[in-house]
Amino acid sequence: MKQLWKRTVRSRQALATMLVLLVIWEIAVRTLGIREFLLPAPSKVILEFFKQPGYLLMQSLDTLRTTLAGFVLAVVLGVAAAIGIVYSRFLDRTLYSLLVAMNAVPKVALAPLFVIWLGTSAAPKIAIALLIAIFPILIDTVLGLRSTDPDMLDMARVNRASRAKILWKIRFPNAMPSLLAGMKVGISFALVGTIVGEFVAGETGLGHVILVAQGSFDTPTVFVALALLCILGVLLFKAIEFAEERLLGWHASQRERPEAGAGGI
């Protein structure tokens, strides 16, 4: 029990800070007499959620499913493209440059094209989530694969290790910290991409809830959807972080984390 208390100190501190901010927000809205359609009090937002919890949770699940679908595709395609770029000069000069150029294009501008090409089902939302999430995963995986110790690679070649064995037993484990760092960024981007898709083509999901509520100046519902999006984002990020702690217990980035409750910068 004592160990669990120490391990959750960061979460408890974050929760306490959030509660203090919510209390300040509530007091400020009531004291200043801010109108509800401009800024509803937290108590009003909570009451609005309990008016239709089933509907809002179903929309949250729809957003979650689309986000995970886009993210999984981004990981699979991003890792595959990174391996190809590292092992092929042709792909390094063509595919890598193409992806960099595509990343410079605002994804919101591409969203209408995906609707034209893929219709108004879940496909365009998944495609936008994939397109936004893939770049950090690709870049970080390429960096990790290329940062393998050259002496270790030379030793493997001297021992006649195949390229496949070098990849999966040396390069890929070495790239795991970078890959997981890219995944933590990518999961947040996938959620952003899903919301963009729901704004443009969605008939379900939290993005659609926000769009409908905004059209009728239903600000409390907008805040409920935003709060649910924040919760989804935190849970998805924490899931990747949990996997990182389990997979990279051997890595210096995990061993050198300050102990919970310890002082220091």
C-alpha atoms as a PDB file:
ATOM      1  CA  MET A   1       0.000   0.000   0.000  1.00  0.00           C
ATOM      2  CA  LYS A   2       2.829   2.376   0.859  1.00  0.00           C
ATOM      3  CA  GLN A   3       4.525   1.675  -2.476  1.00  0.00           C
ATOM      4  CA  LEU A   4       1.269   2.325  -4.343  1.00  0.00           C
ATOM      5  CA  TRP A   5       0.878   5.632  -2.485  1.00  0.00           C
ATOM      6  CA  LYS A   6       4.361   6.690  -3.619  1.00  0.00           C
ATOM      7  CA  ARG A   7       3.787   5.582  -7.197  1.00  0.00           C
ATOM      8  CA  THR A   8       0.590   7.631  -7.514  1.00  0.00           C
ATOM      9  CA  VAL A   9       1.962  10.854  -6.054  1.00  0.00           C
ATOM     10  CA  ARG A  10       2.233  12.540  -9.479  1.00  0.00           C
ATOM     11  CA  SER A  11      -1.327  11.590 -10.396  1.00  0.00           C
ATOM     12  CA  ARG A  12      -2.641  12.845  -7.062  1.00  0.00           C
ATOM     13  CA  GLN A  13      -0.785  16.128  -7.444  1.00  0.00           C
ATOM     14  CA  ALA A  14      -2.192  16.610 -10.957  1.00  0.00           C
ATOM     15  CA  LEU A  15      -5.717  15.779  -9.744  1.00  0.00           C
ATOM     16  CA  ALA A  16      -5.433  18.188  -6.831  1.00  0.00           C
ATOM     17  CA  THR A  17      -4.216  20.962  -9.140  1.00  0.00           C
ATOM     18  CA  MET A  18      -7.125  20.322 -11.514  1.00  0.00           C
ATOM     19  CA  LEU A  19      -9.648  20.439  -8.679  1.00  0.00           C
ATOM     20  CA  VAL A  20      -8.236  23.758  -7.448  1.00  0.00           C
ATOM     21  CA  LEU A  21      -8.495  25.216 -10.959  1.00  0.00           C
ATOM     22  CA  LEU A  22     -12.083  24.010 -11.295  1.00  0.00           C
ATOM     23  CA  VAL A  23     -13.000  25.628  -7.966  1.00  0.00           C
ATOM     24  CA  ILE A  24     -11.412  28.900  -9.097  1.00  0.00           C
ATOM     25  CA  TRP A  25     -13.302  28.656 -12.406  1.00  0.00           C
ATOM     26  CA  GLU A  26     -16.619  28.040 -10.588  1.00  0.00           C
ATOM     27  CA  ILE A  27     -16.089  30.967  -8.212  1.00  0.00           C
ATOM     28  CA  ALA A  28     -15.026  33.301 -11.025  1.00  0.00           C
ATOM     29  CA  VAL A  29     -18.087  32.511 -13.180  1.00  0.00           C
ATOM     30  CA  ARG A  30     -20.499  32.980 -10.274  1.00  0.00           C
ATOM     31  CA  THR A  31     -18.779  36.098  -8.929  1.00  0.00           C
ATOM     32  CA  LEU A  32     -18.401  37.879 -12.254  1.00  0.00           C
ATOM     33  CA  GLY A  33     -21.841  36.843 -13.505  1.00  0.00           C
ATOM     34  CA  ILE A  34     -20.551  35.454 -16.786  1.00  0.00           C
ATOM     35  CA  ARG A  35     -23.386  34.315 -19.008  1.00  0.00           C
ATOM     36  CA  GLU A  36     -23.707  30.583 -19.593  1.00  0.00           C
ATOM     37  CA  PHE A  37     -23.416  30.675 -23.377  1.00  0.00           C
ATOM     38  CA  LEU A  38     -20.056  32.444 -23.028  1.00  0.00           C
ATOM     39  CA  LEU A  39     -18.503  30.342 -20.253  1.00  0.00           C
ATOM     40  CA  PRO A  40     -20.527  27.826 -18.245  1.00  0.00           C
ATOM     41  CA  ALA A  41     -19.519  26.932 -14.698  1.00  0.00           C
ATOM     42  CA  PRO A  42     -17.963  23.473 -14.145  1.00  0.00           C
ATOM     43  CA  SER A  43     -21.043  22.434 -12.141  1.00  0.00           C
ATOM     44  CA  LYS A  44     -23.240  23.230 -15.153  1.00  0.00           C
ATOM     45  CA  VAL A  45     -20.961  21.208 -17.440  1.00  0.00           C
ATOM     46  CA  ILE A  46     -21.177  18.202 -15.106  1.00  0.00           C
ATOM     47  CA  LEU A  47     -24.965  18.462 -14.934  1.00  0.00           C
ATOM     48  CA  GLU A  48     -25.111  18.668 -18.726  1.00  0.00           C
ATOM     49  CA  PHE A  49     -23.178  15.406 -19.005  1.00  0.00           C
ATOM     50  CA  PHE A  50     -25.609  13.599 -16.701  1.00  0.00           C
ATOM     51  CA  LYS A  51     -28.554  14.740 -18.826  1.00  0.00           C
ATOM     52  CA  GLN A  52     -27.451  12.380 -21.618  1.00  0.00           C
ATOM     53  CA  PRO A  53     -24.522  10.237 -20.400  1.00  0.00           C
ATOM     54  CA  GLY A  54     -25.330   7.242 -22.608  1.00  0.00           C
ATOM     55  CA  TYR A  55     -25.367   9.308 -25.798  1.00  0.00           C
ATOM     56  CA  LEU A  56     -22.155  11.154 -24.956  1.00  0.00           C
ATOM     57  CA  LEU A  57     -20.301   7.972 -23.991  1.00  0.00           C
ATOM     58  CA  MET A  58     -21.357   6.302 -27.241  1.00  0.00           C
ATOM     59  CA  GLN A  59     -20.011   9.267 -29.207  1.00  0.00           C
ATOM     60  CA  SER A  60     -16.795   9.038 -27.194  1.00  0.00           C
ATOM     61  CA  LEU A  61     -16.454   5.341 -28.068  1.00  0.00           C
ATOM     62  CA  ASP A  62     -16.967   6.144 -31.746  1.00  0.00           C
ATOM     63  CA  THR A  63     -14.189   8.744 -31.591  1.00  0.00           C
ATOM     64  CA  LEU A  64     -11.975   6.294 -29.709  1.00  0.00           C
ATOM     65  CA  ARG A  65     -12.481   3.532 -32.283  1.00  0.00           C
ATOM     66  CA  THR A  66     -11.633   5.846 -35.171  1.00  0.00           C
ATOM     67  CA  THR A  67      -8.579   7.216 -33.370  1.00  0.00           C
ATOM     68  CA  LEU A  68      -7.213   3.756 -32.595  1.00  0.00           C
ATOM     69  CA  ALA A  69      -7.810   2.569 -36.165  1.00  0.00           C
ATOM     70  CA  GLY A  70      -5.920   5.541 -37.600  1.00  0.00           C
ATOM     71  CA  PHE A  71      -3.155   5.209 -35.010  1.00  0.00           C
ATOM     72  CA  VAL A  72      -2.598   1.476 -35.560  1.00  0.00           C
ATOM     73  CA  LEU A  73      -2.379   2.029 -39.321  1.00  0.00           C
ATOM     74  CA  ALA A  74       0.042   4.900 -38.736  1.00  0.00           C
ATOM     75  CA  VAL A  75       2.294   2.688 -36.589  1.00  0.00           C
ATOM     76  CA  VAL A  76       2.274  -0.214 -39.067  1.00  0.00           C
ATOM     77  CA  LEU A  77       2.827   1.928 -42.157  1.00  0.00           C
ATOM     78  CA  GLY A  78       5.211   4.321 -40.401  1.00  0.00           C
ATOM     79  CA  VAL A  79       7.489   1.541 -39.127  1.00  0.00           C
ATOM     80  CA  ALA A  80       7.413  -0.242 -42.501  1.00  0.00           C
ATOM     81  CA  ALA A  81       8.252   2.999 -44.338  1.00  0.00           C
ATOM     82  CA  ALA A  82      11.032   3.783 -41.838  1.00  0.00           C
ATOM     83  CA  ILE A  83      12.648   0.386 -42.410  1.00  0.00           C
ATOM     84  CA  GLY A  84      12.432   0.896 -46.164  1.00  0.00           C
ATOM     85  CA  ILE A  85      13.962   4.382 -45.908  1.00  0.00           C
ATOM     86  CA  VAL A  86      16.847   3.164 -43.743  1.00  0.00           C
ATOM     87  CA  TYR A  87      17.662   0.226 -46.018  1.00  0.00           C
ATOM     88  CA  SER A  88      17.001   1.838 -49.410  1.00  0.00           C
ATOM     89  CA  ARG A  89      18.698   4.943 -50.753  1.00  0.00           C
ATOM     90  CA  PHE A  90      16.026   5.250 -53.411  1.00  0.00           C
ATOM     91  CA  LEU A  91      13.235   5.390 -50.814  1.00  0.00           C
ATOM     92  CA  ASP A  92      15.318   7.745 -48.704  1.00  0.00           C
ATOM     93  CA  ARG A  93      15.559  10.183 -51.613  1.00  0.00           C
ATOM     94  CA  THR A  94      11.969   9.833 -52.823  1.00  0.00           C
ATOM     95  CA  LEU A  95       9.496   8.604 -50.193  1.00  0.00           C
ATOM     96  CA  TYR A  96      11.150  10.475 -47.333  1.00  0.00           C
ATOM     97  CA  SER A  97      11.147  13.765 -49.244  1.00  0.00           C
ATOM     98  CA  LEU A  98       7.546  13.191 -50.359  1.00  0.00           C
ATOM     99  CA  LEU A  99       6.371  12.613 -46.790  1.00  0.00           C
ATOM    100  CA  VAL A 100       8.184  15.732 -45.593  1.00  0.00           C
ATOM    101  CA  ALA A 101       6.468  17.746 -48.335  1.00  0.00           C
ATOM    102  CA  MET A 102       3.060  16.250 -47.470  1.00  0.00           C
ATOM    103  CA  ASN A 103       3.564  17.063 -43.802  1.00  0.00           C
ATOM    104  CA  ALA A 104       3.947  20.736 -44.722  1.00  0.00           C
ATOM    105  CA  VAL A 105       0.409  20.782 -46.191  1.00  0.00           C
ATOM    106  CA  PRO A 106      -2.282  21.718 -43.632  1.00  0.00           C
ATOM    107  CA  LYS A 107      -4.292  18.539 -43.038  1.00  0.00           C
ATOM    108  CA  VAL A 108      -7.540  20.482 -42.652  1.00  0.00           C
ATOM    109  CA  ALA A 109      -7.150  21.531 -46.290  1.00  0.00           C
ATOM    110  CA  LEU A 110      -6.948  17.869 -47.326  1.00  0.00           C
ATOM    111  CA  ALA A 111      -9.991  16.761 -45.334  1.00  0.00           C
ATOM    112  CA  PRO A 112     -12.575  17.722 -48.024  1.00  0.00           C
ATOM    113  CA  LEU A 113     -10.616  15.681 -50.585  1.00  0.00           C
ATOM    114  CA  PHE A 114     -10.818  12.574 -48.410  1.00  0.00           C
ATOM    115  CA  VAL A 115     -14.585  13.078 -48.169  1.00  0.00           C
ATOM    116  CA  ILE A 116     -14.821  13.243 -51.980  1.00  0.00           C
ATOM    117  CA  TRP A 117     -12.611  10.169 -52.417  1.00  0.00           C
ATOM    118  CA  LEU A 118     -13.840   8.008 -49.518  1.00  0.00           C
ATOM    119  CA  GLY A 119     -17.372   9.214 -48.801  1.00  0.00           C
ATOM    120  CA  THR A 120     -18.833  10.137 -45.425  1.00  0.00           C
ATOM    121  CA  SER A 121     -18.283   6.847 -43.570  1.00  0.00           C
ATOM    122  CA  ALA A 122     -15.494   6.208 -41.047  1.00  0.00           C
ATOM    123  CA  ALA A 123     -12.907   5.845 -43.841  1.00  0.00           C
ATOM    124  CA  PRO A 124     -12.090   9.559 -44.345  1.00  0.00           C
ATOM    125  CA  LYS A 125     -11.796  10.112 -40.580  1.00  0.00           C
ATOM    126  CA  ILE A 126      -9.397   7.179 -40.264  1.00  0.00           C
ATOM    127  CA  ALA A 127      -7.418   8.426 -43.260  1.00  0.00           C
ATOM    128  CA  ILE A 128      -7.008  11.905 -41.768  1.00  0.00           C
ATOM    129  CA  ALA A 129      -5.996  10.457 -38.381  1.00  0.00           C
ATOM    130  CA  LEU A 130      -3.468   8.232 -40.159  1.00  0.00           C
ATOM    131  CA  LEU A 131      -2.040  11.092 -42.204  1.00  0.00           C
ATOM    132  CA  ILE A 132      -1.529  13.338 -39.178  1.00  0.00           C
ATOM    133  CA  ALA A 133      -0.156  10.624 -36.865  1.00  0.00           C
ATOM    134  CA  ILE A 134       2.258   8.881 -39.222  1.00  0.00           C
ATOM    135  CA  PHE A 135       4.878  11.622 -39.551  1.00  0.00           C
ATOM    136  CA  PRO A 136       6.252  11.722 -35.956  1.00  0.00           C
ATOM    137  CA  ILE A 137       6.230   7.907 -35.827  1.00  0.00           C
ATOM    138  CA  LEU A 138       8.135   7.678 -39.101  1.00  0.00           C
ATOM    139  CA  ILE A 139      10.687  10.356 -38.219  1.00  0.00           C
ATOM    140  CA  ASP A 140      11.436   8.963 -34.757  1.00  0.00           C
ATOM    141  CA  THR A 141      11.691   5.380 -36.031  1.00  0.00           C
ATOM    142  CA  VAL A 142      14.127   6.405 -38.780  1.00  0.00           C
ATOM    143  CA  LEU A 143      16.189   8.248 -36.175  1.00  0.00           C
ATOM    144  CA  GLY A 144      16.209   5.218 -33.863  1.00  0.00           C
ATOM    145  CA  LEU A 145      17.141   2.753 -36.618  1.00  0.00           C
ATOM    146  CA  ARG A 146      19.985   4.974 -37.811  1.00  0.00           C
ATOM    147  CA  SER A 147      21.393   5.638 -34.341  1.00  0.00           C
ATOM    148  CA  THR A 148      22.527   2.043 -33.781  1.00  0.00           C
ATOM    149  CA  ASP A 149      26.147   1.760 -32.636  1.00  0.00           C
ATOM    150  CA  PRO A 150      28.283   1.157 -35.797  1.00  0.00           C
ATOM    151  CA  ASP A 151      30.656  -1.113 -33.850  1.00  0.00           C
ATOM    152  CA  MET A 152      27.732  -3.357 -32.929  1.00  0.00           C
ATOM    153  CA  LEU A 153      26.670  -3.534 -36.575  1.00  0.00           C
ATOM    154  CA  ASP A 154      30.226  -4.339 -37.692  1.00  0.00           C
ATOM    155  CA  MET A 155      30.463  -7.107 -35.110  1.00  0.00           C
ATOM    156  CA  ALA A 156      27.179  -8.611 -36.324  1.00  0.00           C
ATOM    157  CA  ARG A 157      28.382  -8.531 -39.939  1.00  0.00           C
ATOM    158  CA  VAL A 158      31.694 -10.144 -38.986  1.00  0.00           C
ATOM    159  CA  ASN A 159      29.684 -12.961 -37.386  1.00  0.00           C
ATOM    160  CA  ARG A 160      27.732 -13.292 -40.650  1.00  0.00           C
ATOM    161  CA  ALA A 161      24.398 -12.203 -39.243  1.00  0.00           C
ATOM    162  CA  SER A 162      21.749 -11.736 -41.915  1.00  0.00           C
ATOM    163  CA  ARG A 163      20.204  -8.329 -42.598  1.00  0.00           C
ATOM    164  CA  ALA A 164      16.926  -9.568 -41.122  1.00  0.00           C
ATOM    165  CA  LYS A 165      18.613 -10.637 -37.879  1.00  0.00           C
ATOM    166  CA  ILE A 166      20.513  -7.349 -37.669  1.00  0.00           C
ATOM    167  CA  LEU A 167      17.239  -5.482 -38.105  1.00  0.00           C
ATOM    168  CA  TRP A 168      15.130  -7.385 -35.550  1.00  0.00           C
ATOM    169  CA  LYS A 169      17.812  -8.192 -32.963  1.00  0.00           C
ATOM    170  CA  ILE A 170      19.950  -5.036 -33.068  1.00  0.00           C
ATOM    171  CA  ARG A 171      18.448  -2.119 -34.965  1.00  0.00           C
ATOM    172  CA  PHE A 172      14.823  -2.501 -33.915  1.00  0.00           C
ATOM    173  CA  PRO A 173      15.449  -2.892 -30.135  1.00  0.00           C
ATOM    174  CA  ASN A 174      17.746   0.124 -30.362  1.00  0.00           C
ATOM    175  CA  ALA A 175      14.972   2.084 -32.098  1.00  0.00           C
ATOM    176  CA  MET A 176      12.269   1.181 -29.558  1.00  0.00           C
ATOM    177  CA  PRO A 177      12.774   4.290 -27.326  1.00  0.00           C
ATOM    178  CA  SER A 178      12.480   6.569 -30.356  1.00  0.00           C
ATOM    179  CA  LEU A 179       9.521   4.619 -31.750  1.00  0.00           C
ATOM    180  CA  LEU A 180       7.594   4.824 -28.474  1.00  0.00           C
ATOM    181  CA  ALA A 181       8.382   8.540 -28.197  1.00  0.00           C
ATOM    182  CA  GLY A 182       6.940   8.998 -31.680  1.00  0.00           C
ATOM    183  CA  MET A 183       3.906   6.916 -30.726  1.00  0.00           C
ATOM    184  CA  LYS A 184       3.194   9.170 -27.732  1.00  0.00           C
ATOM    185  CA  VAL A 185       3.117  12.149 -30.062  1.00  0.00           C
ATOM    186  CA  GLY A 186       1.284  10.216 -32.766  1.00  0.00           C
ATOM    187  CA  ILE A 187      -1.597   9.078 -30.542  1.00  0.00           C
ATOM    188  CA  SER A 188      -2.404  12.700 -29.691  1.00  0.00           C
ATOM    189  CA  PHE A 189      -2.179  13.656 -33.366  1.00  0.00           C
ATOM    190  CA  ALA A 190      -4.463  10.751 -34.312  1.00  0.00           C
ATOM    191  CA  LEU A 191      -7.102  12.094 -31.913  1.00  0.00           C
ATOM    192  CA  VAL A 192      -6.756  15.545 -33.492  1.00  0.00           C
ATOM    193  CA  GLY A 193      -7.098  14.019 -36.959  1.00  0.00           C
ATOM    194  CA  THR A 194     -10.237  12.150 -35.921  1.00  0.00           C
ATOM    195  CA  ILE A 195     -11.858  15.347 -34.660  1.00  0.00           C
ATOM    196  CA  VAL A 196     -10.954  17.149 -37.894  1.00  0.00           C
ATOM    197  CA  GLY A 197     -12.577  14.307 -39.839  1.00  0.00           C
ATOM    198  CA  GLU A 198     -15.685  14.447 -37.653  1.00  0.00           C
ATOM    199  CA  PHE A 199     -15.950  18.196 -38.224  1.00  0.00           C
ATOM    200  CA  VAL A 200     -15.830  17.731 -41.983  1.00  0.00           C
ATOM    201  CA  ALA A 201     -17.598  14.430 -42.622  1.00  0.00           C
ATOM    202  CA  GLY A 202     -18.737  12.907 -39.371  1.00  0.00           C
ATOM    203  CA  GLU A 203     -22.294  12.068 -38.417  1.00  0.00           C
ATOM    204  CA  THR A 204     -21.127  10.586 -35.120  1.00  0.00           C
ATOM    205  CA  GLY A 205     -18.328  11.211 -32.632  1.00  0.00           C
ATOM    206  CA  LEU A 206     -17.402  14.018 -30.277  1.00  0.00           C
ATOM    207  CA  GLY A 207     -16.410  16.290 -33.151  1.00  0.00           C
ATOM    208  CA  HIS A 208     -19.945  16.003 -34.511  1.00  0.00           C
ATOM    209  CA  VAL A 209     -21.331  16.690 -31.017  1.00  0.00           C
ATOM    210  CA  ILE A 210     -19.269  19.895 -30.819  1.00  0.00           C
ATOM    211  CA  LEU A 211     -20.362  20.991 -34.292  1.00  0.00           C
ATOM    212  CA  VAL A 212     -24.068  20.480 -33.566  1.00  0.00           C
ATOM    213  CA  ALA A 213     -23.860  22.126 -30.119  1.00  0.00           C
ATOM    214  CA  GLN A 214     -21.944  25.099 -31.518  1.00  0.00           C
ATOM    215  CA  GLY A 215     -24.642  25.639 -34.130  1.00  0.00           C
ATOM    216  CA  SER A 216     -27.266  26.023 -31.410  1.00  0.00           C
ATOM    217  CA  PHE A 217     -25.003  27.983 -29.005  1.00  0.00           C
ATOM    218  CA  ASP A 218     -25.177  25.070 -26.546  1.00  0.00           C
ATOM    219  CA  THR A 219     -21.882  25.948 -24.859  1.00  0.00           C
ATOM    220  CA  PRO A 220     -22.223  23.513 -21.900  1.00  0.00           C
ATOM    221  CA  THR A 221     -22.445  20.562 -24.307  1.00  0.00           C
ATOM    222  CA  VAL A 222     -19.394  21.852 -26.155  1.00  0.00           C
ATOM    223  CA  PHE A 223     -17.483  21.890 -22.870  1.00  0.00           C
ATOM    224  CA  VAL A 224     -18.688  18.376 -22.028  1.00  0.00           C
ATOM    225  CA  ALA A 225     -17.349  17.121 -25.363  1.00  0.00           C
ATOM    226  CA  LEU A 226     -14.063  18.954 -24.816  1.00  0.00           C
ATOM    227  CA  ALA A 227     -13.730  17.435 -21.335  1.00  0.00           C
ATOM    228  CA  LEU A 228     -14.345  13.947 -22.740  1.00  0.00           C
ATOM    229  CA  LEU A 229     -11.743  14.592 -25.435  1.00  0.00           C
ATOM    230  CA  CYS A 230      -9.241  15.614 -22.765  1.00  0.00           C
ATOM    231  CA  ILE A 231      -9.952  12.413 -20.833  1.00  0.00           C
ATOM    232  CA  LEU A 232      -9.540  10.308 -23.987  1.00  0.00           C
ATOM    233  CA  GLY A 233      -6.275  12.050 -24.847  1.00  0.00           C
ATOM    234  CA  VAL A 234      -4.828  11.517 -21.375  1.00  0.00           C
ATOM    235  CA  LEU A 235      -5.884   7.862 -21.232  1.00  0.00           C
ATOM    236  CA  LEU A 236      -4.403   7.107 -24.658  1.00  0.00           C
ATOM    237  CA  PHE A 237      -1.150   8.887 -23.826  1.00  0.00           C
ATOM    238  CA  LYS A 238      -0.915   7.076 -20.478  1.00  0.00           C
ATOM    239  CA  ALA A 239      -1.492   3.738 -22.219  1.00  0.00           C
ATOM    240  CA  ILE A 240       1.541   4.337 -24.463  1.00  0.00           C
ATOM    241  CA  GLU A 241       3.526   5.530 -21.460  1.00  0.00           C
ATOM    242  CA  PHE A 242       2.584   2.368 -19.546  1.00  0.00           C
ATOM    243  CA  ALA A 243       3.760   0.225 -22.468  1.00  0.00           C
ATOM    244  CA  GLU A 244       6.982   2.247 -22.574  1.00  0.00           C
ATOM    245  CA  GLU A 245       7.677   1.572 -18.898  1.00  0.00           C
ATOM    246  CA  ARG A 246       7.097  -2.171 -19.381  1.00  0.00           C
ATOM    247  CA  LEU A 247       9.081  -2.525 -22.612  1.00  0.00           C
ATOM    248  CA  LEU A 248      11.959  -0.167 -21.788  1.00  0.00           C
ATOM    249  CA  GLY A 249      12.697  -0.982 -18.167  1.00  0.00           C
ATOM    250  CA  TRP A 250      16.288  -1.618 -19.273  1.00  0.00           C
ATOM    251  CA  HIS A 251      16.683   1.796 -20.931  1.00  0.00           C
ATOM    252  CA  ALA A 252      18.397   4.777 -19.283  1.00  0.00           C
ATOM    253  CA  SER A 253      15.345   6.981 -19.894  1.00  0.00           C
ATOM    254  CA  GLN A 254      13.377   4.806 -17.451  1.00  0.00           C
ATOM    255  CA  ARG A 255      16.093   4.096 -14.899  1.00  0.00           C
ATOM    256  CA  GLU A 256      16.984   7.761 -14.491  1.00  0.00           C
ATOM    257  CA  ARG A 257      13.455   8.986 -13.761  1.00  0.00           C
ATOM    258  CA  PRO A 258      13.296  10.808 -10.420  1.00  0.00           C
ATOM    259  CA  GLU A 259      11.636   8.839  -7.652  1.00  0.00           C
ATOM    260  CA  ALA A 260       8.073   9.809  -6.838  1.00  0.00           C
ATOM    261  CA  GLY A 261       8.025  12.424  -4.160  1.00  0.00           C
ATOM    262  CA  ALA A 262      11.748  13.169  -4.496  1.00  0.00           C
ATOM    263  CA  GLY A 263      12.936  16.701  -4.777  1.00  0.00           C
ATOM    264  CA  GLY A 264      14.959  18.188  -7.593  1.00  0.00           C
ATOM    265  CA  ILE A 265      14.345  19.806 -10.901  1.00  0.00           C
END
